[in-house]
Protein backbone atom coordinates (compact mmCIF):
# COMPACT_ATOMS: atom_id res chain seq x y z
CA MET A 1 5.40 -0.48 7.62
CA LYS A 2 7.12 -3.72 8.35
CA LYS A 3 10.76 -3.64 8.68
CA LYS A 4 12.23 -6.96 9.51
CA LEU A 5 9.72 -9.69 9.90
CA GLY A 6 11.99 -12.67 9.85
CA LEU A 7 11.98 -13.52 6.18
CA SER A 8 10.10 -10.36 5.76
CA LEU A 9 7.98 -9.40 2.94
CA LEU A 10 5.99 -6.60 3.61
CA THR A 11 2.84 -5.21 3.46
CA PHE A 12 1.11 -2.92 1.88
CA ALA A 13 -1.85 -1.33 2.99
CA SER A 14 -2.74 2.16 2.53
CA LEU A 15 -4.62 3.58 5.42
CA ALA A 16 -7.84 4.29 3.67
CA LEU A 17 -8.84 7.25 5.70
CA LEU A 18 -12.18 8.38 4.32
CA ALA A 19 -11.32 11.62 2.61
CA ALA A 20 -14.00 13.72 1.06
CA CYS A 21 -12.52 16.04 -1.53
CA GLY A 22 -14.35 19.24 -2.13
CA ASP A 23 -12.49 20.12 -5.30
CA VAL A 24 -13.44 18.86 -8.70
CA SER A 25 -10.54 17.58 -10.76
CA SER A 26 -9.57 19.55 -13.80
CA SER A 27 -9.49 18.04 -17.25
CA LYS A 28 -6.19 17.49 -18.99
CA SER A 29 -6.99 20.18 -21.49
CA ALA A 30 -7.47 22.76 -18.73
CA ALA A 31 -4.27 21.92 -16.85
CA THR A 32 -1.13 23.78 -17.93
CA GLY A 33 1.47 21.59 -16.22
CA THR A 34 4.99 22.57 -15.19
CA GLU A 35 8.02 22.80 -17.45
CA ILE A 36 11.09 20.64 -16.85
CA GLY A 37 14.21 22.77 -16.56
CA ASP A 38 17.84 21.82 -15.93
CA LYS A 39 16.62 19.45 -13.24
CA ILE A 40 13.55 17.28 -12.85
CA LYS A 41 11.72 18.41 -9.73
CA ILE A 42 10.04 15.68 -7.70
CA GLY A 43 7.90 16.29 -4.62
CA PHE A 44 7.68 13.87 -1.68
CA ASN A 45 4.56 14.11 0.50
CA PHE A 46 4.77 11.32 3.06
CA GLU A 47 3.46 10.48 6.53
CA GLU A 48 6.91 10.75 8.09
CA SER A 49 5.44 11.25 11.57
CA GLY A 50 2.08 10.73 13.21
CA GLN A 51 -0.36 7.82 13.28
CA THR A 52 0.62 6.23 9.97
CA ALA A 53 4.35 6.92 10.04
CA ALA A 54 4.98 3.17 9.83
CA TYR A 55 3.81 3.42 6.21
CA GLY A 56 4.96 6.87 5.16
CA GLY A 57 8.29 6.74 6.96
CA ALA A 58 9.30 3.57 5.14
CA GLU A 59 8.14 5.03 1.84
CA GLN A 60 10.15 8.22 2.29
CA LYS A 61 13.31 6.21 3.04
CA ALA A 62 12.93 4.05 -0.05
CA ALA A 63 12.04 7.01 -2.26
CA LYS A 64 15.24 8.78 -1.16
CA LEU A 65 17.25 5.67 -1.92
CA ALA A 66 15.77 5.45 -5.41
CA ILE A 67 16.61 9.10 -6.12
CA GLU A 68 20.20 8.60 -4.96
CA GLU A 69 20.58 5.61 -7.26
CA ILE A 70 19.04 7.33 -10.28
CA ASN A 71 21.15 10.46 -9.87
CA ALA A 72 24.31 8.41 -9.29
CA ALA A 73 23.61 6.64 -12.59
CA GLY A 74 23.39 9.92 -14.49
CA GLY A 75 19.78 10.91 -13.94
CA VAL A 76 17.22 10.93 -16.73
CA ASP A 77 18.31 12.29 -20.11
CA GLY A 78 21.32 13.71 -18.29
CA LYS A 79 19.13 15.63 -15.83
CA MET A 80 19.31 15.04 -12.09
CA PHE A 81 16.27 14.78 -9.86
CA GLU A 82 15.82 17.59 -7.35
CA VAL A 83 13.75 16.54 -4.34
CA LYS A 84 11.32 18.66 -2.34
CA ASP A 85 10.46 16.61 0.74
CA TYR A 86 7.70 17.43 3.26
CA ASP A 87 6.15 15.58 6.19
CA ASN A 88 2.35 15.64 6.15
CA LYS A 89 2.32 14.34 9.75
CA SER A 90 -0.36 11.75 8.89
CA GLU A 91 -2.90 14.56 8.60
CA THR A 92 -5.21 14.63 5.59
CA ALA A 93 -5.55 18.42 5.48
CA GLU A 94 -1.79 18.87 5.78
CA ALA A 95 -1.23 16.43 2.90
CA ALA A 96 -3.53 18.51 0.71
CA ASN A 97 -1.78 21.74 1.74
CA ILE A 98 1.63 20.24 0.97
CA THR A 99 0.47 19.16 -2.48
CA THR A 100 -0.68 22.70 -3.18
CA LYS A 101 2.69 24.06 -2.04
CA LEU A 102 4.62 21.56 -4.15
CA VAL A 103 2.74 22.32 -7.37
CA THR A 104 2.29 26.09 -6.97
CA GLN A 105 5.42 27.24 -5.12
CA ASP A 106 8.01 24.55 -5.76
CA LYS A 107 6.73 23.91 -9.30
CA VAL A 108 7.53 20.20 -9.15
CA ASN A 109 7.12 18.05 -12.26
CA VAL A 110 5.92 14.90 -10.51
CA LEU A 111 4.67 13.96 -7.05
CA VAL A 112 5.19 10.76 -5.04
CA GLY A 113 2.95 10.25 -1.99
CA PRO A 114 1.00 10.38 0.22
CA ALA A 115 0.97 6.77 1.38
CA THR A 116 -2.61 6.55 2.63
CA SER A 117 -5.83 6.61 0.67
CA GLY A 118 -7.45 9.43 2.61
CA ALA A 119 -4.50 11.77 2.20
CA THR A 120 -4.18 10.82 -1.46
CA ALA A 121 -7.85 11.51 -2.12
CA ALA A 122 -7.46 14.96 -0.57
CA SER A 123 -4.32 15.69 -2.58
CA ALA A 124 -5.40 14.47 -6.02
CA PRO A 125 -7.58 17.48 -6.95
CA LYS A 126 -4.62 19.79 -6.33
CA ALA A 127 -2.43 17.74 -8.66
CA ASP A 128 -5.20 17.64 -11.28
CA LYS A 129 -5.61 21.39 -11.24
CA ALA A 130 -1.89 21.94 -11.76
CA GLY A 131 -1.44 19.20 -14.33
CA VAL A 132 1.20 17.40 -12.28
CA PRO A 133 1.09 13.59 -12.05
CA LEU A 134 0.79 12.16 -8.54
CA ILE A 135 1.97 8.60 -7.99
CA ALA A 136 0.48 7.14 -4.81
CA PRO A 137 2.56 4.12 -3.78
CA SER A 138 -0.01 2.48 -1.51
CA ALA A 139 -3.41 4.15 -1.80
CA THR A 140 -5.55 1.02 -2.13
CA GLN A 141 -9.02 2.50 -1.72
CA ASP A 142 -11.32 1.27 -4.47
CA ASP A 143 -12.00 3.73 -7.30
CA ILE A 144 -9.67 6.32 -5.78
CA THR A 145 -8.44 7.35 -9.23
CA LYS A 146 -11.94 7.88 -10.60
CA GLY A 147 -12.36 11.44 -11.87
CA HIS A 148 -8.65 12.24 -11.54
CA ASP A 149 -6.64 12.63 -14.74
CA PHE A 150 -3.27 12.91 -12.99
CA LEU A 151 -3.52 10.35 -10.20
CA TYR A 152 -1.71 6.99 -10.56
CA VAL A 153 -1.57 4.17 -8.01
CA ALA A 154 1.29 1.67 -7.77
CA ALA A 155 -0.54 -0.78 -5.50
CA PHE A 156 -3.48 -3.06 -6.15
CA GLN A 157 -6.83 -1.97 -4.73
CA ASP A 158 -8.80 -3.02 -1.64
CA ARG A 159 -11.35 -5.18 -3.43
CA PHE A 160 -8.52 -6.97 -5.22
CA GLN A 161 -7.17 -8.04 -1.83
CA GLY A 162 -10.58 -9.34 -0.79
CA LYS A 163 -10.79 -11.29 -4.02
CA ILE A 164 -7.34 -12.80 -3.40
CA LEU A 165 -8.33 -13.74 0.16
CA GLY A 166 -11.51 -15.42 -1.09
CA LYS A 167 -9.67 -17.34 -3.78
CA PHE A 168 -7.01 -18.50 -1.31
CA ALA A 169 -9.67 -19.55 1.20
CA ASN A 170 -11.50 -21.53 -1.47
CA ASP A 171 -8.67 -23.11 -3.43
CA ASP A 172 -5.76 -23.45 -1.02
CA LEU A 173 -7.17 -23.71 2.49
CA LYS A 174 -10.42 -25.36 1.33
CA LEU A 175 -12.40 -23.46 3.97
CA LYS A 176 -16.10 -24.20 4.33
CA LYS A 177 -17.15 -21.93 7.20
CA VAL A 178 -15.58 -18.63 8.25
CA ILE A 179 -16.26 -15.69 10.53
CA LEU A 180 -15.77 -12.24 9.00
CA TYR A 181 -14.75 -9.59 11.53
CA THR A 182 -14.29 -6.22 9.82
CA ASP A 183 -13.07 -2.78 10.85
CA ASN A 184 -16.18 -0.77 10.04
CA GLY A 185 -14.31 2.51 10.49
CA SER A 186 -11.98 1.89 7.55
CA ASP A 187 -12.84 2.08 3.85
CA TYR A 188 -9.78 -0.09 3.22
CA ALA A 189 -11.18 -2.86 5.42
CA LYS A 190 -14.75 -2.51 4.16
CA GLY A 191 -13.62 -2.72 0.53
CA ALA A 192 -11.67 -5.91 1.18
CA ALA A 193 -14.55 -7.42 3.16
CA ALA A 194 -17.08 -6.69 0.41
CA ALA A 195 -14.94 -8.43 -2.20
CA PHE A 196 -14.33 -11.39 0.11
CA ARG A 197 -18.08 -11.88 0.57
CA LYS A 198 -18.50 -12.09 -3.20
CA SER A 199 -15.58 -14.42 -3.85
CA PHE A 200 -15.80 -16.84 -0.91
CA LYS A 201 -17.79 -19.95 -1.86
CA GLY A 202 -18.35 -21.26 1.64
CA GLU A 203 -20.58 -20.06 4.48
CA ILE A 204 -19.95 -16.92 6.52
CA VAL A 205 -21.37 -18.06 9.85
CA ALA A 206 -20.95 -14.63 11.47
CA ASP A 207 -20.40 -11.23 9.87
CA GLU A 208 -19.49 -8.77 12.61
CA THR A 209 -17.72 -5.42 12.82
CA PHE A 210 -15.59 -3.35 15.16
CA THR A 211 -14.35 0.24 14.93
CA SER A 212 -10.86 1.64 14.36
CA GLY A 213 -9.30 2.41 17.72
CA ASP A 214 -11.04 -0.40 19.62
CA THR A 215 -8.74 -2.30 21.96
CA ASP A 216 -10.97 -4.85 23.73
CA PHE A 217 -12.40 -7.58 21.49
CA GLN A 218 -13.17 -10.13 24.21
CA ALA A 219 -16.97 -9.99 23.93
CA ALA A 220 -17.05 -10.64 20.18
CA LEU A 221 -14.35 -13.30 20.37
CA THR A 222 -16.22 -15.10 23.16
CA LYS A 223 -19.28 -15.24 20.90
CA PHE A 224 -17.18 -16.49 17.99
CA LYS A 225 -15.59 -19.22 20.10
CA GLY A 226 -18.99 -20.79 20.59
CA LYS A 227 -19.53 -21.20 16.85
CA GLU A 228 -18.34 -23.84 14.42
CA PHE A 229 -15.91 -22.26 11.93
CA ASP A 230 -12.73 -23.02 10.00
CA ALA A 231 -11.08 -19.59 10.03
CA LEU A 232 -11.40 -16.00 11.18
CA VAL A 233 -11.09 -13.37 8.44
CA VAL A 234 -10.07 -9.93 9.75
CA PRO A 235 -10.01 -7.08 7.21
CA SER A 236 -8.13 -4.50 9.26
CA TYR A 237 -4.87 -2.71 9.92
CA TYR A 238 -2.16 -4.00 12.24
CA THR A 239 -3.21 -1.70 15.08
CA GLU A 240 -6.44 -3.62 15.70
CA ALA A 241 -5.64 -6.92 13.96
CA GLY A 242 -2.62 -7.54 16.18
CA LYS A 243 -4.72 -7.11 19.31
CA ILE A 244 -7.43 -9.37 17.90
CA VAL A 245 -4.89 -12.12 17.23
CA ASN A 246 -3.38 -11.73 20.70
CA GLN A 247 -6.75 -11.91 22.44
CA ALA A 248 -8.10 -14.70 20.22
CA ARG A 249 -5.09 -16.93 20.80
CA GLY A 250 -5.20 -16.12 24.51
CA MET A 251 -8.78 -17.39 24.61
CA GLY A 252 -7.87 -20.64 22.88
CA ILE A 253 -9.09 -19.75 19.37
CA GLU A 254 -6.52 -21.55 17.24
CA GLN A 255 -8.16 -21.51 13.80
CA PRO A 256 -6.33 -19.77 10.94
CA ILE A 257 -6.64 -15.98 10.83
CA LEU A 258 -6.65 -14.32 7.41
CA GLY A 259 -6.34 -10.69 6.47
CA PRO A 260 -5.18 -8.12 3.91
CA ASP A 261 -1.75 -6.54 3.78
CA GLY A 262 -2.52 -4.48 6.85
CA LEU A 263 -1.63 -7.54 8.97
CA ASN A 264 1.94 -7.61 7.75
CA GLY A 265 4.99 -6.33 9.57
CA ASP A 266 6.81 -5.76 12.78
CA GLU A 267 4.05 -3.62 14.26
CA PHE A 268 1.50 -6.41 13.78
CA VAL A 269 3.81 -8.91 15.47
CA GLN A 270 4.44 -6.52 18.35
CA GLN A 271 0.69 -6.24 18.96
CA ALA A 272 0.00 -9.96 18.58
CA THR A 273 3.29 -11.14 20.17
CA ALA A 274 5.48 -13.60 18.30
CA GLU A 275 4.32 -16.61 20.32
CA ARG A 276 0.68 -15.93 19.38
CA ALA A 277 1.23 -14.84 15.77
CA ASN A 278 0.70 -18.38 14.45
CA ASN A 279 -1.40 -19.79 11.63
CA ILE A 280 -1.70 -16.31 10.10
CA TYR A 281 -2.25 -15.66 6.38
CA PHE A 282 -2.13 -12.24 4.75
CA VAL A 283 -1.87 -10.59 1.34
CA SER A 284 1.27 -8.77 0.27
CA GLY A 285 2.53 -7.04 -2.82
CA PHE A 286 6.20 -7.69 -2.13
CA ALA A 287 8.32 -10.72 -1.27
CA THR A 288 11.88 -11.05 -0.02
CA LYS A 289 11.83 -14.83 0.06
CA GLY A 290 11.92 -17.32 -2.78
CA ASP A 291 12.68 -16.77 -6.43
CA VAL A 292 12.95 -12.98 -6.35
CA SER A 293 14.34 -10.98 -9.25
CA GLU A 294 17.87 -9.60 -9.46
CA LYS A 295 16.40 -6.10 -9.20
CA THR A 296 14.66 -7.05 -5.97
CA LYS A 297 17.85 -8.59 -4.58
CA LYS A 298 19.79 -5.39 -5.29
CA PHE A 299 17.07 -3.31 -3.65
CA LEU A 300 17.11 -5.50 -0.54
CA GLU A 301 20.87 -5.22 -0.26
CA ALA A 302 20.92 -1.46 -0.82
CA TYR A 303 18.06 -0.72 1.59
CA LYS A 304 19.51 -2.90 4.36
CA ALA A 305 22.95 -1.39 3.87
CA LYS A 306 21.59 2.15 4.14
CA TYR A 307 18.96 1.75 6.85
CA LYS A 308 20.05 -1.40 8.74
CA GLU A 309 16.61 -2.96 8.45
CA GLU A 310 14.48 -5.02 6.06
CA PRO A 311 12.36 -2.99 3.63
CA SER A 312 8.62 -3.29 3.93
CA MET A 313 6.17 -3.62 1.10
CA PHE A 314 5.44 0.07 1.55
CA ALA A 315 9.10 0.84 1.04
CA ALA A 316 9.19 -1.34 -2.07
CA LEU A 317 6.13 0.36 -3.54
CA ALA A 318 7.61 3.83 -3.02
CA TYR A 319 10.91 2.70 -4.53
CA ASP A 320 9.02 1.44 -7.59
CA SER A 321 7.00 4.66 -7.74
CA VAL A 322 10.13 6.78 -8.07
CA TYR A 323 11.50 4.50 -10.77
CA MET A 324 8.15 4.71 -12.57
CA ALA A 325 8.46 8.49 -12.45
CA ALA A 326 11.99 8.27 -13.85
CA GLU A 327 10.87 6.01 -16.68
CA ALA A 328 8.01 8.36 -17.53
CA ALA A 329 10.33 11.39 -17.44
CA LYS A 330 12.35 10.08 -20.40
CA GLY A 331 11.93 12.50 -23.28
CA ALA A 332 9.46 14.61 -21.30
CA LYS A 333 9.46 18.41 -21.55
CA THR A 334 6.66 19.08 -19.07
CA SER A 335 4.72 17.39 -16.29
CA LEU A 336 1.96 16.76 -18.83
CA ASP A 337 4.38 14.61 -20.82
CA ILE A 338 5.32 12.65 -17.70
CA SER A 339 1.64 11.96 -17.04
CA LYS A 340 1.05 10.86 -20.62
CA ASN A 341 4.03 8.49 -20.42
CA LEU A 342 2.82 7.07 -17.12
CA SER A 343 -0.56 6.26 -18.65
CA LYS A 344 1.22 4.16 -21.28
CA LEU A 345 3.53 2.31 -18.87
CA LYS A 346 3.43 -1.40 -19.65
CA ASP A 347 5.28 -4.43 -18.28
CA PHE A 348 7.50 -2.21 -16.16
CA GLU A 349 9.89 -4.32 -14.08
CA GLY A 350 9.79 -3.20 -10.49
CA VAL A 351 10.81 -4.80 -7.21
CA THR A 352 7.12 -5.51 -6.55
CA GLY A 353 6.75 -7.31 -9.87
CA LYS A 354 5.92 -6.54 -13.46
CA MET A 355 3.46 -3.66 -13.63
CA THR A 356 1.13 -2.23 -16.23
CA ILE A 357 -0.92 0.93 -15.75
CA ASN A 358 -4.49 0.30 -16.90
CA LYS A 359 -7.11 2.71 -18.21
CA ASP A 360 -8.15 3.53 -14.64
CA HIS A 361 -4.56 4.56 -13.76
CA THR A 362 -4.24 1.68 -11.30
CA THR A 363 -1.65 -1.08 -11.50
CA GLU A 364 -2.26 -4.63 -12.68
CA LYS A 365 -0.05 -7.24 -10.99
CA SER A 366 -0.20 -10.58 -9.20
CA ALA A 367 -0.23 -10.85 -5.40
CA TYR A 368 1.48 -12.91 -2.74
CA MET A 369 -0.13 -14.84 0.11
CA VAL A 370 2.11 -15.05 3.13
CA THR A 371 2.03 -17.61 5.92
CA MET A 372 3.26 -16.48 9.34
CA ASN A 373 4.14 -18.62 12.32
CA ASN A 374 5.89 -17.61 15.53
CA GLY A 375 5.86 -14.02 14.31
CA GLN A 376 7.90 -14.83 11.22
CA VAL A 377 7.09 -15.37 7.56
CA ASP A 378 7.77 -18.99 6.69
CA LYS A 379 5.98 -19.39 3.35
CA VAL A 380 5.19 -17.19 0.37
CA GLN A 381 3.13 -18.14 -2.64
CA VAL A 382 1.84 -16.29 -5.68
CA VAL A 383 -1.93 -16.06 -6.13
CA GLU A 384 -3.33 -14.87 -9.43
CA PRO A 385 -6.68 -13.06 -9.38
């Protein structure tokens, strides 16, 4: 999503499109898996065009970079990765169809993508049935892995972000009264909002909602302006959050505005405008500023050299996802082996931090809180859950 936000860090927010899956996931014992031949086949299923291309496009670029690096270094156990890459066009049904094609026709051994929660939820049953592990870089919807033996998520979940926001509001900003303004059309936003309500120790003086696609927030903001509050908390994606910031600042609302990783990136700044994107705080799973690791520095240099732009958090998560797949492919004979190795992954050093896959197949890691002023990131700090 975000490409070059000043000091850039980037965000991470899987578009939690509500995806109802009709299929029931198969058990591991019923899945046959795919055999690894002379090459390890990996399938990319990203939103390379369409509504959420800001996420999927960045992820596809970073995933390609990771493959190039791994193959240039000799592959895994002397075997090169062979990529099958398809654009799901930001359409949930198309993402599911592509997954089916990748596991039944292309016979891939591991899948990376989709980026969004809705598309991932629709794709997971197909991967389960075939016994092929699917690594979703940024599907943050709560409990998305439940019932799926072969689904793994590289990002932290929605409610985790809400918990981080609440902790930051309590401990760092010392907020006493806030207004919660949530995108009621997004599971991603609702999950973060629910966790914030539980973790915030102060008073929520107004708890209002809007709907994905709304563009005029003047009426609600006018009502908010008349209240006494310390900050506005906006669980949302950049498409709406940027407009809310622009309109709020234009009306003279200068209090801090907090949000999840959906507020991060160039697109958010474009909507809000740099001059109005001040006193903004958001969660991120990736940092390019501060005491970053050598691995992260090398990734930043390689990505900027190849694509002439800063990598977003989405890009970083996809890059890590491919390297997770490579690590799990060591010694593997089939896709079932790769899945088993993924489930045991512990303290894996990625560019988004040290990661451990837990029993729910989600990733445990710390988070960053980012401060933005004048459309640029000027402070990054680690927040533990």
